Amino acid sequence: MLYQVNTRVWLNKLGLSAGHEVKLDDIPDSELERFRDAGFNWIWLLSVWQTGDAGRRISRSNQDWRKEFAETLPDLKEEDIDGSGFAIESYTVNRRIGDEASLERLRKKLNERGIKLMLDFVPNHTAIDNEWVGLHPGFFIRGQESDIGKYPLNYTRVAFNGTELIFAHGRDPYFPGWPDTLQLNYANPDLHEAMSRELLKIGGLCDGVRCDMAMLLLPDVFERTWGMKCKPFWPEAIHRVKASYPDFCMMAEVYWDMEYTLLQQGFDYAYDKRLYDRLKDGHAKSVREHFFAGQDYQSKMTRFLENHDEQRAASCFPLGKHQAAAVLTYLSPGMRFFHQGQIDGMKKKVSPHLVRAADEENDAALGSFYSGLLEMLKQPVLRNGNWQLLTCTQAWEGNRTFEKYIAFSWTGDQDERIIAIVNYSPIRSQCYVRLPFTRMEGNSWSFTDILTGISYEREGSDLAARGLYIDEPAWKIYVFRLVVKQG
């Protein structure tokens, strides 16, 4: 259970409430206990590292970005724009929020409450004013004057010892460069060593890292983007950090169906962007087929409905679809990833360049739903039990609406049984859900919907023969606890 917090936005909000500046040491214990009481055992603090003046200037002057910022904050002020948390000047704690000692104290407080700390590792690029530009220019992709002319969005001039050198902006192969960054050169073995040392340094300050755009370092991707060969970075770097910190967690942000590749290179978890996209598209068949993957693989997926890169779920999922997608996302195996503001139904996306979020009213219906969902997810069977995708069959010949249903079961010790059933479609649908439990016949079974408390009774012989009959409207969800009533 992972909760992502935009650290600068969070501290800004706490400061407004307190009437004074709030840094890491000033975070009230009640805030940490709120995370614990909600059931989270990982907190990802976004944008903890030092950003520079150059990145701040670029963020404030880029007109396309400012348009986005103004959509979030109609009363946008210059001080709201503090540079992207992914344009890192150095892996030191941002002076505006504290220092290394205060971060260590916060981590200790979290750990005492059973919560682990996750931070950012941005391996593909640095800020333009990173000290390596002057000390180790060979760590970066260099360009020529002709590159500036041909690809003005991908290259920039940087002052260097009284002259100017041309460097490439950090980017992926499908989009223009990020103008507040410089691209690191993984064809240089010395850079591998330097970045491994940075990862080791971060390893001493937290319990895990989320690695930004981790697939960009894969040799084939790097060569396709930059025309240079490089050796794999991740296997050796991950081995080194885990040799020093055996329980350290490595989570990869990854796209383009490269999740398995990153897991093979040593990552503990990988973003499941494909599931998010399929849920957003709203086609039950592709969502159900997504869960055909082996459980060893699925248990390493990081499942989410929003994060700082995606649209707010409340803005792009209508309420019924939102709740249905949430049940499918968070009752599947893997790491359950929630984003700051998601459970309150916030609709305005907050850029990592900003230190203030818009004032929005909480969505009472979503808040109530997520409160029940989070409470339900505390149950041991849903954290440590055995998950299984269930088969849904047609309710009568010629009725294809059974294909709109997706169902899971979770089983645990002491005959714990939970099933989740979702009509993931905009139409009323019918099906029989085949149950995987033994000794169904000869017993009466109670089905209690955990989200509503409503109970139903069904005869085991019919359940064993045909399954559980479901006839429900669009986006209907059930999460049943099954209990034997009599033998």
Protein backbone atom coordinates (compact mmCIF):
# COMPACT_ATOMS: atom_id res chain seq x y z
CA MET A 1 0.00 0.00 0.00
CA LEU A 2 1.84 3.06 -1.33
CA TYR A 3 0.79 6.70 -1.00
CA GLN A 4 2.47 9.35 -3.14
CA VAL A 5 2.86 12.82 -1.65
CA ASN A 6 4.03 15.94 -3.49
CA THR A 7 6.28 17.03 -0.63
CA ARG A 8 6.48 20.73 -1.46
CA VAL A 9 2.72 21.01 -1.99
CA TRP A 10 2.07 19.10 1.24
CA LEU A 11 4.40 21.30 3.30
CA ASN A 12 2.94 24.42 1.71
CA LYS A 13 -0.57 23.36 2.70
CA LEU A 14 0.52 22.50 6.24
CA GLY A 15 2.21 25.89 6.46
CA LEU A 16 -0.92 27.73 5.39
CA SER A 17 -2.89 25.91 8.08
CA ALA A 18 -0.24 26.53 10.74
CA GLY A 19 0.33 30.16 9.79
CA HIS A 20 4.07 29.70 9.40
CA GLU A 21 6.61 27.92 7.22
CA VAL A 22 6.64 24.14 7.68
CA LYS A 23 9.66 21.96 6.94
CA LEU A 24 10.26 18.25 7.33
CA ASP A 25 10.92 18.56 11.06
CA ASP A 26 7.65 20.42 11.56
CA ILE A 27 5.30 17.79 10.13
CA PRO A 28 2.81 16.94 12.91
CA ASP A 29 2.78 13.36 14.17
CA SER A 30 -0.94 13.37 13.47
CA GLU A 31 -0.20 13.57 9.72
CA LEU A 32 1.97 10.47 9.87
CA GLU A 33 -0.57 8.64 11.96
CA ARG A 34 -3.25 9.51 9.41
CA PHE A 35 -1.25 7.59 6.78
CA ARG A 36 -0.78 4.67 9.16
CA ASP A 37 -4.44 4.57 10.16
CA ALA A 38 -5.47 4.52 6.50
CA GLY A 39 -3.42 1.34 6.06
CA PHE A 40 -0.45 2.66 4.08
CA ASN A 41 2.91 1.04 4.73
CA TRP A 42 4.85 3.03 2.09
CA ILE A 43 4.99 6.80 1.62
CA TRP A 44 6.63 8.15 -1.53
CA LEU A 45 7.81 11.72 -0.99
CA LEU A 46 8.04 13.37 -4.40
CA SER A 47 10.45 16.27 -5.04
CA VAL A 48 12.65 16.06 -1.95
CA TRP A 49 15.93 16.72 -3.78
CA GLN A 50 17.61 20.04 -4.47
CA THR A 51 16.45 21.93 -7.53
CA GLY A 52 18.46 24.81 -8.99
CA ASP A 53 18.03 28.40 -10.09
CA ALA A 54 18.36 27.46 -13.76
CA GLY A 55 15.49 25.01 -13.60
CA ARG A 56 13.37 27.53 -11.72
CA ARG A 57 14.00 30.21 -14.36
CA ILE A 58 13.12 27.82 -17.18
CA SER A 59 9.96 26.65 -15.43
CA ARG A 60 8.84 30.24 -14.94
CA SER A 61 9.64 31.35 -18.49
CA ASN A 62 8.33 28.38 -20.49
CA GLN A 63 5.03 29.63 -21.89
CA ASP A 64 3.56 26.19 -22.62
CA TRP A 65 4.21 25.13 -19.05
CA ARG A 66 2.85 28.38 -17.65
CA LYS A 67 -0.40 27.80 -19.52
CA GLU A 68 -0.72 24.42 -17.79
CA PHE A 69 0.18 25.95 -14.42
CA ALA A 70 -2.46 28.66 -14.85
CA GLU A 71 -5.11 26.03 -15.60
CA THR A 72 -4.32 24.51 -12.21
CA LEU A 73 -3.94 27.82 -10.39
CA PRO A 74 -5.95 30.70 -11.92
CA ASP A 75 -4.28 32.97 -9.31
CA LEU A 76 -0.81 31.70 -10.25
CA LYS A 77 2.12 33.55 -8.63
CA GLU A 78 5.80 33.36 -9.47
CA GLU A 79 6.61 31.81 -6.10
CA ASP A 80 4.23 28.92 -6.90
CA ILE A 81 6.71 27.78 -9.59
CA ASP A 82 9.86 26.40 -8.02
CA GLY A 83 11.28 24.19 -10.76
CA SER A 84 10.59 20.56 -11.55
CA GLY A 85 11.37 17.99 -8.91
CA PHE A 86 12.81 15.90 -11.77
CA ALA A 87 15.40 18.51 -12.73
CA ILE A 88 17.75 17.63 -9.88
CA GLU A 89 20.71 19.86 -9.13
CA SER A 90 22.04 17.43 -6.52
CA TYR A 91 20.86 14.49 -4.43
CA THR A 92 20.83 16.60 -1.30
CA VAL A 93 17.67 17.56 0.55
CA ASN A 94 16.09 20.71 -0.84
CA ARG A 95 17.16 23.57 1.41
CA ARG A 96 13.64 24.96 1.37
CA ILE A 97 12.24 21.90 3.15
CA GLY A 98 15.06 20.78 5.46
CA ASP A 99 18.31 18.87 5.41
CA GLU A 100 19.60 15.31 5.54
CA ALA A 101 19.28 15.12 9.32
CA SER A 102 15.63 16.21 9.22
CA LEU A 103 14.90 13.67 6.49
CA GLU A 104 16.47 10.95 8.63
CA ARG A 105 14.34 12.00 11.60
CA LEU A 106 11.20 11.90 9.48
CA ARG A 107 12.12 8.45 8.18
CA LYS A 108 12.59 7.25 11.76
CA LYS A 109 9.15 8.56 12.72
CA LEU A 110 7.59 6.82 9.73
CA ASN A 111 9.40 3.54 10.43
CA GLU A 112 8.24 3.63 14.06
CA ARG A 113 4.68 3.68 12.72
CA GLY A 114 5.27 0.76 10.37
CA ILE A 115 5.68 2.96 7.28
CA LYS A 116 8.63 2.82 4.89
CA LEU A 117 9.98 5.83 3.00
CA MET A 118 10.32 5.94 -0.78
CA LEU A 119 12.17 8.74 -2.63
CA ASP A 120 12.94 9.63 -6.25
CA PHE A 121 15.88 8.45 -8.32
CA VAL A 122 16.07 10.17 -11.72
CA PRO A 123 18.70 8.23 -13.68
CA ASN A 124 18.20 9.56 -17.21
CA HIS A 125 19.07 13.23 -16.75
CA THR A 126 20.04 16.02 -14.35
CA ALA A 127 19.26 19.70 -13.99
CA ILE A 128 21.13 22.08 -16.29
CA ASP A 129 23.04 23.46 -13.30
CA ASN A 130 24.09 20.11 -11.85
CA GLU A 131 27.70 20.36 -10.66
CA TRP A 132 28.74 17.52 -12.98
CA VAL A 133 28.38 19.87 -15.94
CA GLY A 134 31.52 21.68 -14.80
CA LEU A 135 33.31 18.76 -13.16
CA HIS A 136 32.49 15.92 -15.58
CA PRO A 137 31.13 17.19 -18.91
CA GLY A 138 31.83 13.74 -20.37
CA PHE A 139 28.97 12.39 -18.24
CA PHE A 140 26.52 14.08 -20.63
CA ILE A 141 25.48 13.70 -24.26
CA ARG A 142 27.22 16.43 -26.26
CA GLY A 143 25.98 18.08 -29.42
CA GLN A 144 27.26 20.08 -32.38
CA GLU A 145 26.26 23.47 -33.74
CA SER A 146 24.31 21.71 -36.46
CA ASP A 147 22.22 19.92 -33.81
CA ILE A 148 21.05 23.25 -32.43
CA GLY A 149 19.86 24.19 -35.92
CA LYS A 150 18.21 20.87 -36.75
CA TYR A 151 16.81 19.99 -33.32
CA PRO A 152 16.41 23.21 -31.34
CA LEU A 153 14.09 21.53 -28.83
CA ASN A 154 16.60 18.78 -28.06
CA TYR A 155 19.87 20.69 -27.58
CA THR A 156 21.02 23.75 -25.64
CA ARG A 157 24.12 25.84 -24.98
CA VAL A 158 25.56 25.83 -21.47
CA ALA A 159 28.26 28.16 -20.19
CA PHE A 160 31.44 26.25 -19.36
CA ASN A 161 34.73 27.79 -18.18
CA GLY A 162 34.15 31.07 -20.01
CA THR A 163 32.84 29.47 -23.19
CA GLU A 164 29.74 27.57 -24.27
CA LEU A 165 29.29 23.87 -24.87
CA ILE A 166 26.33 22.23 -26.54
CA PHE A 167 24.50 19.51 -24.60
CA ALA A 168 21.44 17.40 -25.29
CA HIS A 169 18.36 17.80 -23.18
CA GLY A 170 17.09 14.73 -21.39
CA ARG A 171 14.30 13.06 -23.36
CA ASP A 172 12.67 9.86 -24.46
CA PRO A 173 12.70 8.90 -28.15
CA TYR A 174 9.09 9.91 -28.79
CA PHE A 175 8.98 13.48 -27.48
CA PRO A 176 11.07 16.66 -27.56
CA GLY A 177 13.61 17.17 -24.81
CA TRP A 178 12.82 18.48 -21.34
CA PRO A 179 14.32 21.98 -21.53
CA ASP A 180 15.31 22.15 -17.85
CA THR A 181 17.46 19.00 -18.05
CA LEU A 182 20.64 17.57 -19.60
CA GLN A 183 20.88 14.00 -20.87
CA LEU A 184 23.30 11.64 -19.12
CA ASN A 185 25.56 9.53 -21.33
CA TYR A 186 25.34 5.84 -20.46
CA ALA A 187 27.88 5.01 -23.15
CA ASN A 188 30.44 6.33 -20.64
CA PRO A 189 31.38 3.63 -18.07
CA ASP A 190 32.47 6.31 -15.61
CA LEU A 191 28.90 7.58 -15.51
CA HIS A 192 27.67 4.10 -14.55
CA GLU A 193 29.98 4.19 -11.55
CA ALA A 194 28.97 7.72 -10.59
CA MET A 195 25.23 7.00 -10.81
CA SER A 196 25.65 3.77 -8.85
CA ARG A 197 27.29 5.79 -6.09
CA GLU A 198 24.37 8.22 -6.14
CA LEU A 199 21.94 5.32 -5.78
CA LEU A 200 23.97 3.94 -2.87
CA LYS A 201 23.91 7.35 -1.22
CA ILE A 202 20.11 7.53 -1.55
CA GLY A 203 19.91 3.97 -0.21
CA GLY A 204 21.19 5.20 3.13
CA LEU A 205 18.42 7.80 3.40
CA CYS A 206 15.28 5.81 2.61
CA ASP A 207 13.81 2.33 2.24
CA GLY A 208 13.22 2.37 -1.51
CA VAL A 209 13.22 4.44 -4.67
CA ARG A 210 10.89 5.06 -7.56
CA CYS A 211 13.12 5.20 -10.63
CA ASP A 212 11.94 7.77 -13.13
CA MET A 213 11.58 6.52 -16.76
CA ALA A 214 13.70 3.48 -15.92
CA MET A 215 13.40 1.92 -19.39
CA LEU A 216 15.34 4.79 -21.00
CA LEU A 217 18.57 3.24 -19.69
CA LEU A 218 18.02 -0.10 -21.41
CA PRO A 219 20.75 -0.52 -24.05
CA ASP A 220 18.39 -0.92 -26.99
CA VAL A 221 16.31 2.12 -25.97
CA PHE A 222 19.42 4.23 -25.35
CA GLU A 223 20.89 3.27 -28.73
CA ARG A 224 17.62 3.97 -30.53
CA THR A 225 17.44 7.41 -28.92
CA TRP A 226 21.09 8.49 -29.13
CA GLY A 227 22.75 6.23 -31.69
CA MET A 228 25.31 4.95 -29.17
CA LYS A 229 25.78 1.55 -27.61
CA CYS A 230 25.93 1.16 -23.85
CA LYS A 231 26.17 -1.64 -21.33
CA PRO A 232 23.23 -2.47 -19.03
CA PHE A 233 23.14 -0.23 -15.98
CA TRP A 234 20.42 -1.65 -13.80
CA PRO A 235 21.61 -5.20 -12.94
CA GLU A 236 24.93 -4.09 -11.45
CA ALA A 237 23.54 -0.96 -9.80
CA ILE A 238 20.68 -2.86 -8.17
CA HIS A 239 23.05 -5.61 -7.04
CA ARG A 240 25.29 -3.03 -5.38
CA VAL A 241 22.53 -1.23 -3.52
CA LYS A 242 20.97 -4.48 -2.32
CA ALA A 243 24.35 -5.75 -1.16
CA SER A 244 24.45 -2.80 1.22
CA TYR A 245 20.70 -2.62 1.92
CA PRO A 246 19.20 -6.10 1.35
CA ASP A 247 15.58 -5.03 1.93
CA PHE A 248 15.82 -1.95 -0.27
CA CYS A 249 12.88 -1.67 -2.70
CA MET A 250 13.41 -0.75 -6.37
CA MET A 251 10.29 0.38 -8.25
CA ALA A 252 10.48 1.20 -11.95
CA GLU A 253 8.40 3.72 -13.82
CA VAL A 254 8.20 1.91 -17.16
CA TYR A 255 6.17 2.08 -20.37
CA TRP A 256 6.07 0.48 -23.83
CA ASP A 257 5.39 -3.04 -22.45
CA MET A 258 8.89 -3.27 -20.99
CA GLU A 259 7.75 -4.21 -17.48
CA TYR A 260 9.03 -7.78 -17.67
CA THR A 261 12.41 -6.63 -18.98
CA LEU A 262 12.89 -4.31 -16.01
CA LEU A 263 11.82 -6.98 -13.53
CA GLN A 264 14.36 -9.35 -15.06
CA GLN A 265 17.05 -6.72 -14.45
CA GLY A 266 16.38 -6.73 -10.72
CA PHE A 267 13.47 -4.38 -9.99
CA ASP A 268 11.05 -5.41 -7.27
CA TYR A 269 8.06 -3.62 -8.82
CA ALA A 270 7.16 -2.04 -12.14
CA TYR A 271 4.39 0.36 -13.12
CA ASP A 272 1.36 -1.35 -14.62
CA LYS A 273 0.53 1.43 -17.07
CA ARG A 274 -1.09 -1.04 -19.45
CA LEU A 275 -3.77 -1.94 -16.90
CA TYR A 276 -4.44 1.76 -16.27
CA ASP A 277 -4.84 2.40 -20.00
CA ARG A 278 -7.21 -0.54 -20.43
CA LEU A 279 -9.33 0.52 -17.47
CA LYS A 280 -9.51 4.03 -18.86
CA ASP A 281 -10.57 2.69 -22.27
CA GLY A 282 -13.37 0.82 -20.50
CA HIS A 283 -13.29 -2.49 -22.40
CA ALA A 284 -13.84 -5.40 -20.01
CA LYS A 285 -12.36 -8.02 -22.34
CA SER A 286 -8.92 -6.39 -22.50
CA VAL A 287 -8.96 -5.76 -18.74
CA ARG A 288 -9.83 -9.38 -17.98
CA GLU A 289 -7.18 -10.68 -20.39
CA HIS A 290 -4.64 -8.47 -18.64
CA PHE A 291 -5.08 -10.64 -15.57
CA PHE A 292 -4.20 -13.84 -17.45
CA ALA A 293 -0.52 -13.20 -16.64
CA GLY A 294 1.21 -15.45 -14.12
CA GLN A 295 0.86 -14.56 -10.46
CA ASP A 296 4.61 -14.22 -9.92
CA TYR A 297 4.55 -11.44 -12.50
CA GLN A 298 1.34 -9.84 -11.29
CA SER A 299 2.58 -9.66 -7.71
CA LYS A 300 5.36 -7.35 -8.91
CA MET A 301 3.05 -4.88 -10.65
CA THR A 302 2.41 -1.41 -9.23
CA ARG A 303 -1.29 -0.75 -9.82
CA PHE A 304 -2.70 2.80 -9.87
CA LEU A 305 -5.60 4.95 -11.07
CA GLU A 306 -3.66 8.19 -11.07
CA ASN A 307 -0.24 9.66 -10.30
CA HIS A 308 1.48 12.98 -10.89
CA ASP A 309 1.88 12.20 -14.63
CA GLU A 310 -1.70 11.12 -15.34
CA GLN A 311 -4.97 12.99 -15.30
CA ARG A 312 -6.82 13.03 -12.03
CA ALA A 313 -9.00 9.91 -11.89
CA ALA A 314 -11.99 11.97 -10.75
CA SER A 315 -11.69 14.11 -13.88
CA CYS A 316 -11.55 11.29 -16.44
CA PHE A 317 -13.49 8.43 -14.80
CA PRO A 318 -17.21 9.05 -14.20
CA LEU A 319 -18.20 8.06 -10.65
CA GLY A 320 -19.52 4.56 -11.35
CA LYS A 321 -16.66 3.66 -13.67
CA HIS A 322 -14.20 5.19 -11.20
CA GLN A 323 -15.41 2.95 -8.38
CA ALA A 324 -15.44 -0.13 -10.60
CA ALA A 325 -11.92 0.60 -11.85
CA ALA A 326 -10.72 1.15 -8.29
CA VAL A 327 -12.01 -2.25 -7.15
CA LEU A 328 -10.27 -3.96 -10.08
CA THR A 329 -7.06 -2.01 -9.51
CA TYR A 330 -6.76 -2.41 -5.78
CA LEU A 331 -8.14 -5.91 -5.33
CA SER A 332 -5.63 -7.35 -7.79
CA PRO A 333 -2.16 -8.52 -6.67
CA GLY A 334 0.87 -6.26 -6.46
CA MET A 335 1.64 -2.88 -4.95
CA ARG A 336 -1.47 -0.73 -4.47
CA PHE A 337 -0.51 2.83 -5.38
CA PHE A 338 -2.65 5.82 -4.36
CA HIS A 339 -1.92 9.46 -5.19
CA GLN A 340 -2.30 12.53 -3.00
CA GLY A 341 -5.80 13.97 -3.48
CA GLN A 342 -7.16 10.88 -5.23
CA ILE A 343 -9.23 9.62 -2.33
CA ASP A 344 -10.73 13.10 -1.87
CA GLY A 345 -11.78 13.31 -5.53
CA MET A 346 -9.49 16.17 -6.54
CA LYS A 347 -9.81 16.99 -10.25
CA LYS A 348 -6.95 19.41 -10.96
CA LYS A 349 -3.63 17.84 -11.84
CA VAL A 350 -0.67 19.43 -10.01
CA SER A 351 2.56 19.74 -11.98
CA PRO A 352 5.83 18.72 -10.26
CA HIS A 353 7.00 22.26 -11.04
CA LEU A 354 4.44 23.72 -8.61
CA VAL A 355 4.56 24.02 -4.84
CA ARG A 356 0.88 24.84 -4.41
CA ALA A 357 -2.29 22.98 -5.36
CA ALA A 358 -5.66 24.48 -6.16
CA ASP A 359 -8.28 24.77 -3.45
CA GLU A 360 -10.92 22.21 -4.30
CA GLU A 361 -13.89 20.83 -2.42
CA ASN A 362 -13.74 17.18 -1.48
CA ASP A 363 -16.02 14.82 -3.37
CA ALA A 364 -18.19 13.32 -0.61
CA ALA A 365 -19.29 10.29 -2.64
CA LEU A 366 -15.75 9.35 -3.66
CA GLY A 367 -14.44 10.06 -0.18
CA SER A 368 -16.98 7.70 1.33
CA PHE A 369 -16.21 5.02 -1.25
CA TYR A 370 -12.44 5.23 -0.73
CA SER A 371 -12.85 5.24 3.04
CA GLY A 372 -14.65 1.91 2.79
CA LEU A 373 -12.17 0.55 0.26
CA LEU A 374 -9.14 1.46 2.39
CA GLU A 375 -10.73 -0.06 5.46
CA MET A 376 -11.44 -3.25 3.53
CA LEU A 377 -7.87 -3.45 2.21
CA LYS A 378 -6.52 -3.72 5.77
CA GLN A 379 -7.82 -7.29 5.94
CA PRO A 380 -4.98 -9.83 6.03
CA VAL A 381 -6.60 -12.04 3.39
CA LEU A 382 -6.40 -9.18 0.88
CA ARG A 383 -2.75 -8.55 1.70
CA ASN A 384 -1.38 -12.03 2.23
CA GLY A 385 -3.96 -14.38 0.77
CA ASN A 386 -4.08 -16.27 -2.51
CA TRP A 387 -5.60 -14.44 -5.50
CA GLN A 388 -7.35 -16.07 -8.44
CA LEU A 389 -9.11 -14.78 -11.56
CA LEU A 390 -12.57 -16.37 -11.76
CA THR A 391 -14.48 -17.60 -14.81
CA CYS A 392 -17.74 -15.90 -15.76
CA THR A 393 -20.12 -17.82 -18.03
CA GLN A 394 -23.26 -16.88 -19.97
CA ALA A 395 -26.51 -16.60 -18.03
CA TRP A 396 -28.48 -18.03 -20.96
CA GLU A 397 -27.72 -19.05 -24.49
CA GLY A 398 -26.98 -16.14 -26.78
CA ASN A 399 -26.45 -13.63 -23.96
CA ARG A 400 -22.92 -12.31 -24.43
CA THR A 401 -23.05 -9.79 -21.60
CA PHE A 402 -21.16 -12.24 -19.37
CA GLU A 403 -18.08 -10.92 -21.15
CA LYS A 404 -18.59 -7.60 -19.35
CA TYR A 405 -17.84 -9.16 -15.96
CA ILE A 406 -14.49 -9.51 -14.21
CA ALA A 407 -14.26 -11.44 -10.96
CA PHE A 408 -11.48 -12.30 -8.49
CA SER A 409 -11.25 -14.43 -5.38
CA TRP A 410 -8.94 -14.13 -2.38
CA THR A 411 -8.54 -17.05 0.02
CA GLY A 412 -6.64 -17.11 3.28
CA ASP A 413 -6.12 -19.11 6.42
CA GLN A 414 -9.06 -20.38 8.47
CA ASP A 415 -11.29 -20.65 5.40
CA GLU A 416 -11.32 -16.92 4.67
CA ARG A 417 -12.99 -16.31 1.30
CA ILE A 418 -13.56 -13.02 -0.49
CA ILE A 419 -14.75 -12.52 -4.06
CA ALA A 420 -14.90 -9.28 -6.05
CA ILE A 421 -17.31 -9.05 -8.98
CA VAL A 422 -17.45 -6.07 -11.35
CA ASN A 423 -19.72 -5.35 -14.32
CA TYR A 424 -17.11 -3.29 -16.14
CA SER A 425 -19.40 -1.86 -18.77
CA PRO A 426 -22.00 0.88 -19.36
CA ILE A 427 -24.88 -1.63 -19.80
CA ARG A 428 -26.83 -4.00 -17.59
CA SER A 429 -25.24 -7.47 -17.79
CA GLN A 430 -25.77 -11.00 -16.55
CA CYS A 431 -23.49 -13.95 -15.84
CA TYR A 432 -22.75 -16.91 -13.63
CA VAL A 433 -19.53 -16.58 -11.62
CA ARG A 434 -17.83 -19.94 -11.16
CA LEU A 435 -16.56 -20.29 -7.60
CA PRO A 436 -13.28 -22.12 -6.94
CA PHE A 437 -14.09 -23.31 -3.42
CA THR A 438 -14.40 -26.94 -2.35
CA ARG A 439 -17.24 -28.51 -0.36
CA MET A 440 -19.86 -26.15 -1.75
CA GLU A 441 -22.61 -28.80 -1.95
CA GLY A 442 -24.82 -29.50 1.04
CA ASN A 443 -24.17 -26.14 2.68
CA SER A 444 -25.97 -22.82 2.80
CA TRP A 445 -23.67 -19.89 2.10
CA SER A 446 -23.84 -16.29 3.26
CA PHE A 447 -22.57 -13.59 0.89
CA THR A 448 -21.99 -10.31 2.71
CA ASP A 449 -21.07 -7.29 0.60
CA ILE A 450 -18.21 -5.71 2.53
CA LEU A 451 -18.77 -2.28 1.00
CA THR A 452 -22.48 -2.06 1.92
CA GLY A 453 -23.00 -4.65 4.68
CA ILE A 454 -25.91 -6.24 2.80
CA SER A 455 -26.07 -10.06 3.03
CA TYR A 456 -27.54 -12.73 0.75
CA GLU A 457 -27.90 -16.48 1.20
CA ARG A 458 -27.44 -19.07 -1.53
CA GLU A 459 -27.59 -22.87 -1.64
CA GLY A 460 -24.25 -24.56 -2.12
CA SER A 461 -25.52 -27.24 -4.52
CA ASP A 462 -26.68 -24.63 -7.03
CA LEU A 463 -23.46 -22.63 -6.56
CA ALA A 464 -21.40 -25.74 -7.27
CA ALA A 465 -23.45 -26.69 -10.31
CA ARG A 466 -23.83 -23.36 -12.07
CA GLY A 467 -22.05 -20.68 -10.07
CA LEU A 468 -23.30 -17.44 -8.54
CA TYR A 469 -25.90 -15.70 -10.70
CA ILE A 470 -25.36 -11.97 -11.18
CA ASP A 471 -27.71 -9.54 -12.97
CA GLU A 472 -26.63 -5.96 -12.37
CA PRO A 473 -26.59 -2.49 -13.97
CA ALA A 474 -23.63 -0.63 -15.44
CA TRP A 475 -20.41 -0.51 -13.41
CA LYS A 476 -21.94 -2.42 -10.49
CA ILE A 477 -19.42 -3.76 -7.97
CA TYR A 478 -19.63 -6.38 -5.25
CA VAL A 479 -16.99 -7.48 -2.76
CA PHE A 480 -18.43 -10.47 -0.93
CA ARG A 481 -17.19 -12.27 2.15
CA LEU A 482 -18.38 -15.91 2.00
CA VAL A 483 -19.25 -17.83 5.15
CA VAL A 484 -20.75 -21.32 5.47
CA LYS A 485 -24.07 -21.09 7.27
CA GLN A 486 -24.78 -24.79 7.89
CA GLY A 487 -23.51 -28.24 7.03
